[in-house]
């Protein structure tokens, strides 16, 4: 380095040490709402930084909480450092040990059903004390539902989740702007159609619709 007169300065070495990264846990999922197939064990991958162990709580979601999450497209806000939790008691609580270097994310995996597949239904898992990324609402389904929304029609296709074969004679319930709790039944090819209001006829121009299967099968879709 040179001084203001252009003369060289004596060499100098400056060192410092950063603090440790703040402990954190995040789930390796594409969004806060997702699905798992009912036919296999449901595994949740996660990343933990500067934690020796990670706690988990699994809840069942009732219809009110499920629809609230689907309608807003994200999980409700928690309080303080706690992610949101349903009002009911957890189905189970457990802890996974984490081994790895400090100050780097370490990948772990846990079984949501304690080594066995969860029954078809709607669930919520969270890690207490981790406000960012440590929560997931998910449905365990045996039926895959695909939707296609046009200007005045919602087309629905129901398939068996594992085989991909169409599911005929399946009763579905559709809810959204201008359509509340409308029931429809799939044909032999797994298709069903519901008339929906045009965008100019409803306040919600996003026109998000939730489709659920009723009866012996479980499936869920959000257009």
Protein backbone atom coordinates (compact mmCIF):
# COMPACT_ATOMS: atom_id res chain seq x y z
CA UNK A 1 0.00 0.00 0.00
CA UNK A 2 1.11 3.59 -0.65
CA UNK A 3 0.61 6.66 1.53
CA UNK A 4 -0.76 9.94 0.22
CA UNK A 5 2.70 10.96 -0.90
CA UNK A 6 3.09 7.80 -2.97
CA UNK A 7 5.65 6.23 -0.65
CA UNK A 8 5.32 2.51 0.27
CA UNK A 9 3.97 1.66 3.74
CA UNK A 10 5.34 -1.09 5.91
CA UNK A 11 3.54 -4.43 5.52
CA UNK A 12 0.71 -5.07 8.01
CA UNK A 13 -1.42 -8.17 8.62
CA UNK A 14 -4.97 -7.92 10.00
CA UNK A 15 -6.90 -11.00 11.15
CA UNK A 16 -10.31 -11.51 12.73
CA UNK A 17 -12.62 -14.39 13.64
CA UNK A 18 -16.34 -14.45 12.84
CA UNK A 19 -18.94 -15.62 15.32
CA UNK A 20 -20.65 -18.98 15.00
CA UNK A 21 -23.65 -19.26 12.69
CA UNK A 22 -27.01 -18.96 14.42
CA UNK A 23 -28.52 -22.43 15.00
CA UNK A 24 -31.20 -23.18 12.42
CA UNK A 25 -33.30 -25.99 10.98
CA UNK A 26 -35.00 -26.02 7.58
CA UNK A 27 -36.89 -28.74 5.73
CA UNK A 28 -35.71 -29.83 2.26
CA UNK A 29 -39.12 -29.31 0.63
CA UNK A 30 -40.20 -27.12 -2.31
CA UNK A 31 -42.92 -25.31 -0.34
CA UNK A 32 -44.72 -25.25 3.01
CA UNK A 33 -47.57 -27.40 1.63
CA UNK A 34 -47.08 -30.77 -0.09
CA UNK A 35 -48.16 -34.37 -0.57
CA UNK A 36 -46.78 -37.84 0.09
CA UNK A 37 -47.89 -41.12 -1.43
CA UNK A 38 -49.74 -43.42 0.95
CA UNK A 39 -48.08 -46.61 -0.31
CA UNK A 40 -44.58 -46.05 1.09
CA UNK A 41 -42.93 -44.77 4.25
CA UNK A 42 -42.99 -40.97 4.30
CA UNK A 43 -39.50 -39.50 4.83
CA UNK A 44 -38.70 -35.88 5.61
CA UNK A 45 -35.25 -34.56 4.75
CA UNK A 46 -33.97 -31.56 6.66
CA UNK A 47 -30.90 -29.36 7.15
CA UNK A 48 -29.60 -28.50 10.62
CA UNK A 49 -26.86 -25.99 11.44
CA UNK A 50 -25.20 -26.04 14.86
CA UNK A 51 -27.77 -28.41 16.39
CA UNK A 52 -26.81 -31.67 18.09
CA UNK A 53 -30.39 -32.91 17.76
CA UNK A 54 -33.65 -31.82 16.13
CA UNK A 55 -37.11 -32.14 17.70
CA UNK A 56 -40.25 -32.91 15.70
CA UNK A 57 -43.98 -32.77 16.43
CA UNK A 58 -46.62 -34.38 14.18
CA UNK A 59 -50.26 -33.22 14.19
CA UNK A 60 -53.42 -34.23 12.38
CA UNK A 61 -55.03 -31.33 10.48
CA UNK A 62 -58.78 -30.86 10.83
CA UNK A 63 -60.84 -29.53 7.92
CA UNK A 64 -60.85 -25.94 9.20
CA UNK A 65 -57.06 -25.72 9.50
CA UNK A 66 -56.52 -27.57 6.21
CA UNK A 67 -58.77 -25.21 4.24
CA UNK A 68 -57.25 -22.18 5.94
CA UNK A 69 -53.78 -23.23 4.80
CA UNK A 70 -54.90 -24.10 1.27
CA UNK A 71 -56.85 -20.88 0.77
CA UNK A 72 -53.96 -18.64 1.77
CA UNK A 73 -51.30 -20.85 0.16
CA UNK A 74 -49.00 -20.78 3.17
CA UNK A 75 -48.85 -21.68 6.84
CA UNK A 76 -50.33 -19.39 9.51
CA UNK A 77 -47.91 -17.20 11.40
CA UNK A 78 -46.53 -18.50 14.67
CA UNK A 79 -45.61 -16.49 17.75
CA UNK A 80 -42.09 -15.42 18.68
CA UNK A 81 -39.60 -18.14 17.76
CA UNK A 82 -42.29 -20.79 17.48
CA UNK A 83 -43.84 -21.96 14.20
CA UNK A 84 -47.62 -22.18 14.18
CA UNK A 85 -49.23 -25.23 15.79
CA UNK A 86 -52.80 -26.59 15.55
CA UNK A 87 -54.95 -26.42 18.66
CA UNK A 88 -54.99 -30.20 19.20
CA UNK A 89 -52.33 -32.32 20.86
CA UNK A 90 -49.52 -33.81 18.71
CA UNK A 91 -49.92 -37.35 17.43
CA UNK A 92 -46.29 -37.98 18.35
CA UNK A 93 -43.08 -36.24 19.39
CA UNK A 94 -39.56 -37.45 18.63
CA UNK A 95 -35.94 -36.36 18.31
CA UNK A 96 -33.29 -37.04 15.65
CA UNK A 97 -29.56 -36.78 16.42
CA UNK A 98 -27.41 -34.70 14.08
CA UNK A 99 -23.71 -35.38 13.54
CA UNK A 100 -21.51 -33.12 11.45
CA UNK A 101 -19.17 -30.15 11.35
CA UNK A 102 -20.09 -26.90 13.03
CA UNK A 103 -21.16 -23.86 11.04
CA UNK A 104 -22.24 -25.85 7.98
CA UNK A 105 -25.73 -27.24 7.17
CA UNK A 106 -25.89 -30.98 7.87
CA UNK A 107 -28.51 -33.03 6.04
CA UNK A 108 -30.64 -35.43 8.05
CA UNK A 109 -33.72 -37.55 7.43
CA UNK A 110 -36.57 -38.67 9.65
CA UNK A 111 -39.54 -41.01 9.28
CA UNK A 112 -42.83 -39.19 9.75
CA UNK A 113 -44.62 -42.45 10.54
CA UNK A 114 -41.99 -43.84 12.92
CA UNK A 115 -40.78 -46.41 10.40
CA UNK A 116 -44.17 -47.24 8.90
CA UNK A 117 -46.40 -45.48 6.34
CA UNK A 118 -48.85 -42.95 7.74
CA UNK A 119 -52.52 -43.52 7.04
CA UNK A 120 -54.04 -41.45 4.25
CA UNK A 121 -55.07 -38.07 5.61
CA UNK A 122 -53.85 -34.54 6.30
CA UNK A 123 -50.99 -33.73 8.66
CA UNK A 124 -48.66 -31.02 9.92
CA UNK A 125 -45.10 -31.45 11.17
CA UNK A 126 -43.00 -28.78 12.86
CA UNK A 127 -39.75 -28.28 14.75
CA UNK A 128 -40.36 -26.11 17.84
CA UNK A 129 -38.07 -23.11 18.25
CA UNK A 130 -37.32 -22.71 14.53
CA UNK A 131 -39.43 -19.92 13.03
CA UNK A 132 -38.00 -20.17 9.50
CA UNK A 133 -38.40 -23.33 7.44
CA UNK A 134 -39.10 -25.77 10.26
CA UNK A 135 -42.73 -26.61 9.40
CA UNK A 136 -44.70 -28.45 6.72
CA UNK A 137 -48.38 -29.14 6.07
CA UNK A 138 -48.82 -32.27 3.97
CA UNK A 139 -51.41 -34.75 2.76
CA UNK A 140 -50.87 -38.48 2.50
CA UNK A 141 -52.82 -39.50 -0.61
CA UNK A 142 -53.68 -42.59 -2.60
CA UNK A 143 -55.23 -40.52 -5.39
CA UNK A 144 -53.46 -37.95 -7.58
CA UNK A 145 -55.73 -35.11 -8.66
CA UNK A 146 -54.76 -32.84 -11.56
CA UNK A 147 -56.68 -29.66 -12.42
CA UNK A 148 -56.84 -27.36 -15.43
CA UNK A 149 -58.63 -24.01 -15.02
CA UNK A 150 -60.03 -22.26 -18.09
CA UNK A 151 -62.11 -19.10 -18.35
CA UNK A 152 -65.34 -20.74 -17.19
CA UNK A 153 -64.54 -24.38 -16.41
CA UNK A 154 -62.42 -26.41 -14.00
CA UNK A 155 -61.33 -29.73 -15.51
CA UNK A 156 -60.32 -32.45 -13.04
CA UNK A 157 -58.46 -35.72 -13.62
CA UNK A 158 -58.22 -38.35 -10.87
CA UNK A 159 -55.60 -41.11 -11.03
CA UNK A 160 -54.41 -43.84 -8.71
CA UNK A 161 -51.25 -42.42 -7.14
CA UNK A 162 -49.09 -45.54 -7.52
CA UNK A 163 -50.29 -47.07 -10.79
CA UNK A 164 -51.41 -43.96 -12.69
CA UNK A 165 -54.65 -45.63 -13.79
CA UNK A 166 -57.80 -43.47 -13.93
CA UNK A 167 -60.14 -43.58 -10.95
CA UNK A 168 -63.74 -43.63 -12.12
CA UNK A 169 -66.93 -43.06 -10.14
CA UNK A 170 -65.04 -40.99 -7.53
CA UNK A 171 -66.94 -38.28 -5.71
CA UNK A 172 -65.08 -34.96 -5.52
CA UNK A 173 -65.82 -31.73 -3.69
CA UNK A 174 -64.83 -28.39 -5.25
CA UNK A 175 -64.62 -25.09 -3.35
CA UNK A 176 -63.51 -21.65 -4.52
CA UNK A 177 -64.79 -18.26 -5.71
CA UNK A 178 -68.43 -18.69 -6.70
CA UNK A 179 -68.28 -22.45 -6.10
CA UNK A 180 -68.72 -23.66 -2.53
CA UNK A 181 -68.79 -27.36 -1.71
CA UNK A 182 -69.98 -28.47 -5.15
CA UNK A 183 -69.94 -32.26 -5.57
CA UNK A 184 -69.04 -33.93 -8.85
CA UNK A 185 -68.26 -37.54 -9.84
CA UNK A 186 -65.53 -38.72 -12.24
CA UNK A 187 -66.32 -40.73 -15.35
CA UNK A 188 -64.68 -44.00 -16.41
CA UNK A 189 -61.54 -42.14 -17.57
CA UNK A 190 -61.22 -40.31 -14.24
CA UNK A 191 -62.41 -36.95 -15.63
CA UNK A 192 -64.87 -34.50 -14.12
CA UNK A 193 -65.79 -30.92 -14.97
CA UNK A 194 -67.21 -28.04 -12.93
CA UNK A 195 -68.55 -24.77 -14.31
CA UNK A 196 -66.91 -21.77 -12.59
CA UNK A 197 -67.62 -18.02 -12.80
CA UNK A 198 -65.64 -15.97 -15.27
CA UNK A 199 -62.92 -13.77 -13.72
CA UNK A 200 -64.99 -10.59 -14.10
CA UNK A 201 -67.86 -12.18 -12.13
CA UNK A 202 -65.92 -12.89 -8.92
CA UNK A 203 -63.97 -10.61 -6.61
CA UNK A 204 -61.00 -13.00 -6.36
CA UNK A 205 -59.45 -12.68 -9.82
CA UNK A 206 -56.91 -15.38 -8.92
CA UNK A 207 -59.79 -17.89 -8.82
CA UNK A 208 -58.11 -20.55 -6.69
CA UNK A 209 -60.10 -23.77 -6.31
CA UNK A 210 -59.56 -26.66 -3.90
CA UNK A 211 -60.56 -30.17 -4.98
CA UNK A 212 -60.90 -32.99 -2.44
CA UNK A 213 -61.91 -36.61 -2.86
CA UNK A 214 -64.53 -38.06 -0.54
CA UNK A 215 -65.24 -41.56 0.69
CA UNK A 216 -62.74 -44.39 0.58
CA UNK A 217 -60.01 -42.49 -1.31
CA UNK A 218 -57.90 -39.48 -0.31
CA UNK A 219 -56.72 -36.88 -2.79
CA UNK A 220 -56.21 -33.12 -2.76
CA UNK A 221 -55.42 -30.45 -5.34
CA UNK A 222 -55.22 -26.66 -5.44
CA UNK A 223 -55.63 -25.05 -8.83
